[in-house]
């Protein structure tokens, strides 16, 4: 099967086995043996069995409650205004699909014209692949053909890593509403050890007074860093691909997190909570800390479920044969 993937990134090539930044979209492309194209190269994409579009989120200029902060032009508007974007691809390729980028509701932040154009573009395609079963319920209100594309890890560059946990806890995001870092911090305190989090665009001033920060690194280096943690907490309300929970499960790190994210719910079933149920999350943290058998059970279960649900063989069977 001949497959192409379109994103906003500028390179044109396949993803090699030893790619050091094998984050989710690169893992998908590698597993599909796909050719990658920039969104600006659509006229060069011909004779593919399947074309997957990971449409860029763009930029919006709204406050959290929808008020306009500044005037600005969403850089993806130019693609949304091109009514022939999907139809042109369908003329020279067999099937054209979208893959969800970020939270399903992100396009609600667009101007009205762009929202309508985005919906029409999705409906003109052969379907959309959602991150999670929960997201699929959302998309089925907008279009008929909805599938789920599981998050994926390619293990080649990390398979020699051993999990050597130290008594420290990793929080899966910064102190913003997007990541829910403050709620994760309130839970993580129960472990009474060194607390760490990532560095990202959402990092807030003075976070370092509460937690340590890992530097921004490529995915392989991130996995090296993660392999030293004993506990993880990720009460991120934004429902997305769930890479953090999956990476933790690969090593067997018990992770308390969002029950609506498939990687969390499937790999860490007894540690999955409503992100607003901080009380239950704290209870689980206390139990992990005090009950060694419960900790060992959650660790073993997460590793087994990673292999059961997210092994690359399972992924290929589900996606390439669909």
Protein backbone atom coordinates (compact mmCIF):
# COMPACT_ATOMS: atom_id res chain seq x y z
CA UNK A 1 0.00 0.00 0.00
CA UNK A 2 1.34 3.41 -0.97
CA UNK A 3 0.74 6.09 1.68
CA UNK A 4 1.47 9.80 1.99
CA UNK A 5 1.21 12.03 5.06
CA UNK A 6 0.80 15.81 4.82
CA UNK A 7 1.78 18.14 7.69
CA UNK A 8 2.99 21.71 8.12
CA UNK A 9 6.61 20.52 8.39
CA UNK A 10 8.87 21.36 5.48
CA UNK A 11 10.78 18.14 4.75
CA UNK A 12 10.04 15.58 1.99
CA UNK A 13 11.20 12.08 2.88
CA UNK A 14 10.42 8.88 4.76
CA UNK A 15 11.12 8.59 8.48
CA UNK A 16 14.24 6.47 9.20
CA UNK A 17 14.38 3.81 11.91
CA UNK A 18 16.95 5.74 13.93
CA UNK A 19 15.09 9.06 13.95
CA UNK A 20 15.94 10.68 17.29
CA UNK A 21 12.68 12.63 17.60
CA UNK A 22 10.24 9.76 17.07
CA UNK A 23 7.25 11.55 18.59
CA UNK A 24 3.73 10.43 17.70
CA UNK A 25 3.33 11.73 14.14
CA UNK A 26 6.81 10.49 13.16
CA UNK A 27 6.00 7.08 14.65
CA UNK A 28 2.82 6.91 12.57
CA UNK A 29 4.69 7.80 9.39
CA UNK A 30 7.41 5.26 10.11
CA UNK A 31 4.91 2.47 10.82
CA UNK A 32 3.04 3.22 7.57
CA UNK A 33 6.26 3.53 5.54
CA UNK A 34 4.71 6.80 4.37
CA UNK A 35 6.14 9.56 2.23
CA UNK A 36 5.92 12.91 3.96
CA UNK A 37 4.96 16.14 2.19
CA UNK A 38 4.49 19.71 3.32
CA UNK A 39 0.98 21.12 3.12
CA UNK A 40 2.34 23.50 0.49
CA UNK A 41 3.24 20.59 -1.81
CA UNK A 42 -0.23 19.20 -2.47
CA UNK A 43 0.19 19.54 -6.25
CA UNK A 44 3.06 17.02 -6.06
CA UNK A 45 1.03 14.27 -4.38
CA UNK A 46 -0.25 11.69 -6.87
CA UNK A 47 -1.15 8.01 -7.13
CA UNK A 48 -1.32 7.16 -3.44
CA UNK A 49 -3.71 4.59 -1.99
CA UNK A 50 -4.16 6.73 1.13
CA UNK A 51 -3.28 10.31 1.91
CA UNK A 52 -3.44 11.42 5.57
CA UNK A 53 -3.59 15.12 6.39
CA UNK A 54 -2.47 16.32 9.83
CA UNK A 55 -3.87 19.81 9.46
CA UNK A 56 -1.92 22.46 11.43
CA UNK A 57 -3.70 24.02 14.39
CA UNK A 58 -2.71 27.52 13.31
CA UNK A 59 -2.94 30.40 15.72
CA UNK A 60 -5.92 31.99 17.38
CA UNK A 61 -6.21 35.28 19.25
CA UNK A 62 -8.82 34.62 21.92
CA UNK A 63 -8.81 34.58 25.69
CA UNK A 64 -9.84 31.41 27.51
CA UNK A 65 -13.45 32.61 27.62
CA UNK A 66 -13.55 33.51 23.91
CA UNK A 67 -12.89 37.23 24.06
CA UNK A 68 -10.62 38.62 21.36
CA UNK A 69 -7.23 39.66 22.72
CA UNK A 70 -5.69 41.16 19.58
CA UNK A 71 -6.48 41.32 15.89
CA UNK A 72 -4.62 38.77 13.83
CA UNK A 73 -4.87 36.46 10.85
CA UNK A 74 -4.91 32.72 11.43
CA UNK A 75 -2.08 31.38 9.21
CA UNK A 76 -4.13 28.29 8.25
CA UNK A 77 -6.93 30.40 6.79
CA UNK A 78 -5.28 30.30 3.38
CA UNK A 79 -5.67 26.52 3.28
CA UNK A 80 -9.24 26.64 4.58
CA UNK A 81 -10.22 29.14 1.89
CA UNK A 82 -8.99 26.80 -0.81
CA UNK A 83 -12.17 24.83 -1.40
CA UNK A 84 -10.34 22.50 -3.76
CA UNK A 85 -7.69 21.43 -1.25
CA UNK A 86 -9.24 18.03 -0.51
CA UNK A 87 -10.98 17.63 -3.86
CA UNK A 88 -7.73 18.17 -5.77
CA UNK A 89 -6.03 15.49 -3.70
CA UNK A 90 -8.94 13.10 -4.31
CA UNK A 91 -8.65 13.56 -8.09
CA UNK A 92 -5.17 12.01 -8.16
CA UNK A 93 -5.24 9.72 -5.10
CA UNK A 94 -7.58 6.92 -4.00
CA UNK A 95 -8.51 8.06 -0.48
CA UNK A 96 -7.90 11.21 1.55
CA UNK A 97 -8.27 11.26 5.34
CA UNK A 98 -7.67 13.73 8.14
CA UNK A 99 -5.91 12.91 11.40
CA UNK A 100 -6.97 14.92 14.43
CA UNK A 101 -4.37 17.48 15.54
CA UNK A 102 -4.51 18.51 19.19
CA UNK A 103 -7.87 18.58 21.00
CA UNK A 104 -10.90 17.85 18.81
CA UNK A 105 -12.51 21.20 19.62
CA UNK A 106 -9.52 23.33 18.62
CA UNK A 107 -11.16 24.67 15.44
CA UNK A 108 -13.89 26.22 17.61
CA UNK A 109 -11.37 28.99 18.23
CA UNK A 110 -11.31 29.93 14.53
CA UNK A 111 -13.29 32.80 13.04
CA UNK A 112 -16.75 31.72 11.88
CA UNK A 113 -15.80 31.50 8.20
CA UNK A 114 -12.82 29.31 9.01
CA UNK A 115 -14.92 27.06 11.25
CA UNK A 116 -17.42 26.42 8.45
CA UNK A 117 -14.64 25.89 5.89
CA UNK A 118 -12.91 23.43 8.22
CA UNK A 119 -16.09 21.38 8.69
CA UNK A 120 -16.72 21.35 4.94
CA UNK A 121 -13.16 20.23 4.32
CA UNK A 122 -13.52 17.34 6.77
CA UNK A 123 -16.80 16.30 5.16
CA UNK A 124 -15.23 16.39 1.67
CA UNK A 125 -12.62 13.85 2.78
CA UNK A 126 -13.07 10.10 3.15
CA UNK A 127 -13.08 10.42 6.94
CA UNK A 128 -11.19 11.50 10.01
CA UNK A 129 -9.02 9.53 12.40
CA UNK A 130 -9.49 10.63 16.03
CA UNK A 131 -6.96 10.29 18.85
CA UNK A 132 -9.31 8.58 21.32
CA UNK A 133 -12.65 6.82 21.52
CA UNK A 134 -13.89 9.88 23.42
CA UNK A 135 -12.85 12.13 20.52
CA UNK A 136 -14.61 9.84 18.06
CA UNK A 137 -17.94 10.64 19.74
CA UNK A 138 -17.25 14.31 19.08
CA UNK A 139 -16.39 13.86 15.41
CA UNK A 140 -19.42 11.65 14.72
CA UNK A 141 -21.51 14.76 15.21
CA UNK A 142 -19.70 16.43 12.30
CA UNK A 143 -19.05 13.69 9.76
CA UNK A 144 -20.00 10.08 9.04
CA UNK A 145 -16.70 8.26 8.63
CA UNK A 146 -14.82 8.38 11.93
CA UNK A 147 -11.99 6.05 12.97
CA UNK A 148 -9.46 5.96 15.82
CA UNK A 149 -5.71 6.03 15.20
CA UNK A 150 -3.94 4.85 18.36
CA UNK A 151 -0.89 6.66 19.66
CA UNK A 152 2.29 4.76 18.85
CA UNK A 153 5.86 4.31 20.09
CA UNK A 154 8.71 3.11 17.90
CA UNK A 155 11.09 1.28 20.21
CA UNK A 156 14.21 1.01 18.07
CA UNK A 157 16.10 3.93 19.63
CA UNK A 158 15.04 3.14 23.21
CA UNK A 159 14.93 -0.65 23.36
CA UNK A 160 18.28 -0.81 25.18
CA UNK A 161 17.07 1.54 27.92
CA UNK A 162 16.42 0.02 31.33
CA UNK A 163 13.97 1.44 33.83
CA UNK A 164 16.01 2.41 36.87
CA UNK A 165 13.56 4.36 39.04
CA UNK A 166 14.78 6.84 41.59
CA UNK A 167 12.53 8.22 44.31
CA UNK A 168 11.17 11.13 42.28
CA UNK A 169 7.96 12.09 40.47
CA UNK A 170 7.37 13.51 36.99
CA UNK A 171 4.41 15.82 36.30
CA UNK A 172 3.24 15.71 32.68
CA UNK A 173 2.95 19.42 31.97
CA UNK A 174 3.29 23.02 33.05
CA UNK A 175 1.11 25.21 35.26
CA UNK A 176 -1.45 26.25 32.66
CA UNK A 177 -5.05 25.21 32.06
CA UNK A 178 -3.92 23.34 28.92
CA UNK A 179 -1.72 21.00 30.99
CA UNK A 180 -3.42 21.22 34.39
CA UNK A 181 -0.07 21.42 36.12
CA UNK A 182 -1.33 22.81 39.41
CA UNK A 183 -3.72 19.90 39.94
CA UNK A 184 -0.95 17.45 39.09
CA UNK A 185 1.32 19.23 41.57
CA UNK A 186 -1.24 18.99 44.37
CA UNK A 187 -1.41 15.23 43.81
CA UNK A 188 2.33 14.72 43.31
CA UNK A 189 3.12 16.29 46.69
CA UNK A 190 1.76 13.12 48.29
CA UNK A 191 4.83 11.21 47.16
CA UNK A 192 7.02 13.47 49.30
CA UNK A 193 10.01 13.36 46.95
CA UNK A 194 11.68 15.45 44.24
CA UNK A 195 9.11 16.80 41.77
CA UNK A 196 9.93 17.43 38.12
CA UNK A 197 8.06 18.60 35.04
CA UNK A 198 8.77 19.35 31.40
CA UNK A 199 9.76 22.64 29.78
CA UNK A 200 7.38 23.92 27.11
CA UNK A 201 5.75 26.98 25.56
CA UNK A 202 3.19 26.85 28.41
CA UNK A 203 5.78 27.21 31.16
CA UNK A 204 4.79 29.93 33.65
CA UNK A 205 7.09 32.32 35.52
CA UNK A 206 8.10 31.08 39.00
CA UNK A 207 7.20 27.42 38.35
CA UNK A 208 10.74 26.60 39.42
CA UNK A 209 9.81 27.57 42.97
CA UNK A 210 7.60 24.48 43.10
CA UNK A 211 9.19 21.94 40.74
CA UNK A 212 12.36 21.18 38.83
CA UNK A 213 12.32 21.38 35.02
CA UNK A 214 13.71 18.96 32.49
CA UNK A 215 15.28 20.67 29.46
CA UNK A 216 13.56 20.49 26.08
CA UNK A 217 15.12 17.56 24.24
CA UNK A 218 14.48 15.14 21.39
CA UNK A 219 12.17 12.19 22.07
CA UNK A 220 14.93 9.62 22.57
CA UNK A 221 16.58 11.83 25.19
CA UNK A 222 13.19 12.39 26.83
CA UNK A 223 12.77 8.63 27.20
CA UNK A 224 16.21 8.41 28.78
CA UNK A 225 15.17 11.01 31.33
CA UNK A 226 11.77 9.40 31.95
CA UNK A 227 13.39 6.03 32.69
CA UNK A 228 14.67 7.42 36.02
CA UNK A 229 11.25 8.23 37.56
CA UNK A 230 9.21 6.14 39.99
CA UNK A 231 5.84 7.95 39.85
CA UNK A 232 3.96 10.05 37.28
CA UNK A 233 0.95 12.37 37.43
CA UNK A 234 -0.73 13.95 34.41
CA UNK A 235 -4.09 15.56 35.16
CA UNK A 236 -4.15 17.27 31.78
CA UNK A 237 -7.71 18.36 30.90
CA UNK A 238 -6.84 18.80 27.21
CA UNK A 239 -7.67 15.47 25.58
CA UNK A 240 -5.00 14.75 22.99
CA UNK A 241 -2.76 11.90 21.80
CA UNK A 242 -1.74 10.69 25.27
CA UNK A 243 1.95 10.15 24.57
CA UNK A 244 2.97 10.80 28.19
CA UNK A 245 0.83 7.99 29.63
CA UNK A 246 2.00 5.62 26.90
CA UNK A 247 5.67 6.39 27.48
CA UNK A 248 5.21 5.76 31.20
CA UNK A 249 3.48 2.43 30.53
CA UNK A 250 6.37 1.30 28.33
CA UNK A 251 8.67 1.39 31.39
CA UNK A 252 6.00 0.39 33.91
CA UNK A 253 5.83 3.77 35.66
CA UNK A 254 2.42 4.04 37.40
CA UNK A 255 0.73 7.17 36.05
CA UNK A 256 -2.32 8.92 37.53
CA UNK A 257 -4.14 10.66 34.69
CA UNK A 258 -7.14 11.55 32.54
CA UNK A 259 -9.61 8.68 32.08
CA UNK A 260 -10.81 10.11 28.74
CA UNK A 261 -7.40 9.53 27.11
CA UNK A 262 -7.15 6.03 25.64
CA UNK A 263 -3.48 5.45 26.51
CA UNK A 264 -4.21 6.33 30.14
CA UNK A 265 -7.49 4.41 30.42
CA UNK A 266 -6.15 1.26 28.75
CA UNK A 267 -2.63 1.15 30.16
CA UNK A 268 -3.31 2.50 33.67
CA UNK A 269 -6.95 1.50 34.33
CA UNK A 270 -6.82 1.67 38.13
CA UNK A 271 -5.09 5.05 38.10
CA UNK A 272 -7.43 6.81 35.66
CA UNK A 273 -9.68 9.56 37.02
CA UNK A 274 -11.80 12.49 35.99
CA UNK A 275 -9.21 15.30 35.90
CA UNK A 276 -11.38 17.42 38.16
CA UNK A 277 -11.56 14.66 40.75
CA UNK A 278 -8.35 15.73 42.48
CA UNK A 279 -9.58 14.09 45.69
CA UNK A 280 -9.59 10.63 44.08
CA UNK A 281 -6.22 11.29 42.44
CA UNK A 282 -4.72 12.16 45.84
CA UNK A 283 -6.18 8.96 47.32
CA UNK A 284 -4.51 6.93 44.57
CA UNK A 285 -1.17 8.70 45.12
CA UNK A 286 -1.32 7.90 48.84
CA UNK A 287 -2.09 4.28 48.05
CA UNK A 288 0.79 4.00 45.55
CA UNK A 289 3.12 5.46 48.15
CA UNK A 290 2.06 3.24 51.06
CA UNK A 291 0.94 0.00 49.39
CA UNK A 292 3.90 -1.72 47.75
CA UNK A 293 1.77 -4.54 46.33
CA UNK A 294 -0.60 -2.02 44.71
CA UNK A 295 2.37 -0.17 43.22
CA UNK A 296 3.84 -3.37 41.81
CA UNK A 297 0.45 -4.41 40.43
CA UNK A 298 -0.06 -1.05 38.65
CA UNK A 299 3.47 -1.14 37.27
CA UNK A 300 3.14 -4.68 35.91
CA UNK A 301 -0.34 -4.04 34.53
CA UNK A 302 0.78 -0.94 32.63
CA UNK A 303 3.63 -2.78 30.91
CA UNK A 304 1.37 -5.69 29.99
CA UNK A 305 -1.33 -3.39 28.66
CA UNK A 306 1.18 -1.38 26.66
CA UNK A 307 2.12 -4.55 24.83
CA UNK A 308 -1.49 -5.76 24.58
CA UNK A 309 -2.93 -2.57 23.09
CA UNK A 310 -0.03 -0.57 21.64
CA UNK A 311 2.52 -2.98 20.25
CA UNK A 312 3.37 -1.93 16.70
CA UNK A 313 2.01 -5.22 15.36
CA UNK A 314 -1.39 -4.41 16.88
CA UNK A 315 -1.21 -0.88 15.46
CA UNK A 316 -0.39 -2.03 11.93
CA UNK A 317 -3.18 -4.60 11.94
CA UNK A 318 -5.72 -1.98 13.00
CA UNK A 319 -4.64 0.88 10.71
CA UNK A 320 -3.07 -0.64 7.60
CA UNK A 321 -5.81 -3.25 7.20
CA UNK A 322 -8.71 -0.83 7.75
